[in-house]
Amino acid sequence: MGSASELEYHLILAHDLHLIDGISYERLNQQVTEVKRMLASLILKLNADR
């Protein structure tokens, strides 16, 4: 989860520095958000099985 959050920050930075365009940023940010949702669900599932 930490690595996904770090990637999210790097995407914001790359966009702010005009290294990636807005369309690419939005697409990549949506993918990172989806991965973070999946990770959160997995963490909840693992904790529920204890």
N, C-alpha and C. Protein backbone atom coordinates (compact mmCIF):
# COMPACT_ATOMS: atom_id res chain seq x y z
N MET A 1 0.84 -1.19 0.00
CA MET A 1 0.00 0.00 0.00
C MET A 1 0.88 1.25 0.00
N GLY A 2 1.97 1.19 0.74
CA GLY A 2 2.88 2.33 0.78
C GLY A 2 3.47 2.64 -0.59
N SER A 3 3.85 1.60 -1.31
CA SER A 3 4.41 1.79 -2.64
C SER A 3 3.39 2.38 -3.61
N ALA A 4 2.15 1.98 -3.48
CA ALA A 4 1.09 2.52 -4.33
C ALA A 4 0.88 4.00 -4.02
N SER A 5 0.94 4.37 -2.75
CA SER A 5 0.80 5.78 -2.37
C SER A 5 1.99 6.59 -2.88
N GLU A 6 3.18 6.00 -2.83
CA GLU A 6 4.37 6.68 -3.34
C GLU A 6 4.24 6.91 -4.86
N LEU A 7 3.75 5.90 -5.56
CA LEU A 7 3.54 6.05 -7.00
C LEU A 7 2.52 7.14 -7.28
N GLU A 8 1.47 7.19 -6.47
CA GLU A 8 0.45 8.23 -6.63
C GLU A 8 1.09 9.62 -6.52
N TYR A 9 1.96 9.79 -5.53
CA TYR A 9 2.66 11.06 -5.36
C TYR A 9 3.55 11.37 -6.57
N HIS A 10 4.26 10.36 -7.06
CA HIS A 10 5.14 10.58 -8.21
C HIS A 10 4.34 10.97 -9.46
N LEU A 11 3.16 10.43 -9.60
CA LEU A 11 2.30 10.82 -10.73
C LEU A 11 1.90 12.29 -10.62
N ILE A 12 1.54 12.71 -9.42
CA ILE A 12 1.18 14.12 -9.21
C ILE A 12 2.37 15.01 -9.54
N LEU A 13 3.54 14.62 -9.07
CA LEU A 13 4.74 15.40 -9.32
C LEU A 13 5.05 15.47 -10.82
N ALA A 14 4.98 14.33 -11.49
CA ALA A 14 5.25 14.29 -12.93
C ALA A 14 4.27 15.18 -13.70
N HIS A 15 3.02 15.17 -13.28
CA HIS A 15 2.02 16.02 -13.94
C HIS A 15 2.30 17.49 -13.66
N ASP A 16 2.59 17.81 -12.41
CA ASP A 16 2.88 19.21 -12.05
C ASP A 16 4.11 19.74 -12.78
N LEU A 17 5.08 18.87 -13.04
CA LEU A 17 6.30 19.28 -13.75
C LEU A 17 6.15 19.17 -15.27
N HIS A 18 4.93 18.86 -15.72
CA HIS A 18 4.61 18.74 -17.15
C HIS A 18 5.42 17.64 -17.84
N LEU A 19 5.70 16.58 -17.10
CA LEU A 19 6.38 15.43 -17.68
C LEU A 19 5.39 14.45 -18.30
N ILE A 20 4.14 14.50 -17.83
CA ILE A 20 3.07 13.71 -18.45
C ILE A 20 1.87 14.63 -18.65
N ASP A 21 1.09 14.33 -19.68
CA ASP A 21 -0.07 15.17 -19.97
C ASP A 21 -1.25 14.78 -19.07
N GLY A 22 -2.27 15.61 -19.11
CA GLY A 22 -3.43 15.41 -18.25
C GLY A 22 -4.16 14.11 -18.50
N ILE A 23 -4.26 13.70 -19.75
CA ILE A 23 -4.97 12.46 -20.09
C ILE A 23 -4.22 11.26 -19.53
N SER A 24 -2.90 11.26 -19.71
CA SER A 24 -2.09 10.15 -19.17
C SER A 24 -2.16 10.13 -17.65
N TYR A 25 -2.09 11.31 -17.05
CA TYR A 25 -2.18 11.39 -15.59
C TYR A 25 -3.49 10.80 -15.08
N GLU A 26 -4.59 11.19 -15.68
CA GLU A 26 -5.90 10.70 -15.24
C GLU A 26 -6.00 9.18 -15.37
N ARG A 27 -5.54 8.66 -16.50
CA ARG A 27 -5.60 7.22 -16.74
C ARG A 27 -4.75 6.47 -15.71
N LEU A 28 -3.53 6.92 -15.50
CA LEU A 28 -2.63 6.25 -14.56
C LEU A 28 -3.12 6.40 -13.12
N ASN A 29 -3.64 7.58 -12.79
CA ASN A 29 -4.14 7.79 -11.44
C ASN A 29 -5.34 6.89 -11.15
N GLN A 30 -6.21 6.70 -12.13
CA GLN A 30 -7.34 5.79 -11.95
C GLN A 30 -6.86 4.36 -11.72
N GLN A 31 -5.83 3.96 -12.43
CA GLN A 31 -5.29 2.61 -12.26
C GLN A 31 -4.67 2.43 -10.87
N VAL A 32 -3.93 3.44 -10.40
CA VAL A 32 -3.35 3.37 -9.06
C VAL A 32 -4.44 3.32 -8.01
N THR A 33 -5.48 4.12 -8.20
CA THR A 33 -6.60 4.13 -7.25
C THR A 33 -7.26 2.75 -7.19
N GLU A 34 -7.43 2.12 -8.34
CA GLU A 34 -8.03 0.79 -8.39
C GLU A 34 -7.14 -0.23 -7.67
N VAL A 35 -5.85 -0.16 -7.87
CA VAL A 35 -4.93 -1.07 -7.18
C VAL A 35 -5.01 -0.86 -5.67
N LYS A 36 -5.07 0.40 -5.23
CA LYS A 36 -5.19 0.67 -3.80
C LYS A 36 -6.49 0.13 -3.23
N ARG A 37 -7.57 0.21 -3.99
CA ARG A 37 -8.85 -0.37 -3.54
C ARG A 37 -8.73 -1.89 -3.41
N MET A 38 -8.10 -2.51 -4.39
CA MET A 38 -7.92 -3.96 -4.35
C MET A 38 -7.06 -4.37 -3.16
N LEU A 39 -6.00 -3.62 -2.91
CA LEU A 39 -5.14 -3.91 -1.76
C LEU A 39 -5.89 -3.76 -0.44
N ALA A 40 -6.69 -2.71 -0.34
CA ALA A 40 -7.47 -2.49 0.88
C ALA A 40 -8.44 -3.64 1.10
N SER A 41 -9.08 -4.11 0.04
CA SER A 41 -10.00 -5.25 0.15
C SER A 41 -9.26 -6.50 0.58
N LEU A 42 -8.08 -6.73 0.02
CA LEU A 42 -7.29 -7.90 0.39
C LEU A 42 -6.88 -7.83 1.86
N ILE A 43 -6.46 -6.67 2.30
CA ILE A 43 -6.05 -6.50 3.70
C ILE A 43 -7.23 -6.79 4.63
N LEU A 44 -8.40 -6.25 4.29
CA LEU A 44 -9.59 -6.50 5.11
C LEU A 44 -9.93 -7.99 5.14
N LYS A 45 -9.83 -8.64 4.00
CA LYS A 45 -10.13 -10.08 3.91
C LYS A 45 -9.16 -10.87 4.75
N LEU A 46 -7.87 -10.55 4.67
CA LEU A 46 -6.87 -11.27 5.45
C LEU A 46 -7.08 -11.07 6.95
N ASN A 47 -7.44 -9.85 7.34
CA ASN A 47 -7.68 -9.59 8.76
C ASN A 47 -8.95 -10.26 9.26
N ALA A 48 -9.94 -10.41 8.39
CA ALA A 48 -11.20 -11.05 8.77
C ALA A 48 -11.01 -12.55 8.96
N ASP A 49 -10.05 -13.15 8.27
CA ASP A 49 -9.82 -14.58 8.35
C ASP A 49 -9.01 -14.99 9.58
N ARG A 50 -8.57 -14.07 10.36
CA ARG A 50 -7.75 -14.39 11.53
C ARG A 50 -8.56 -14.97 12.64
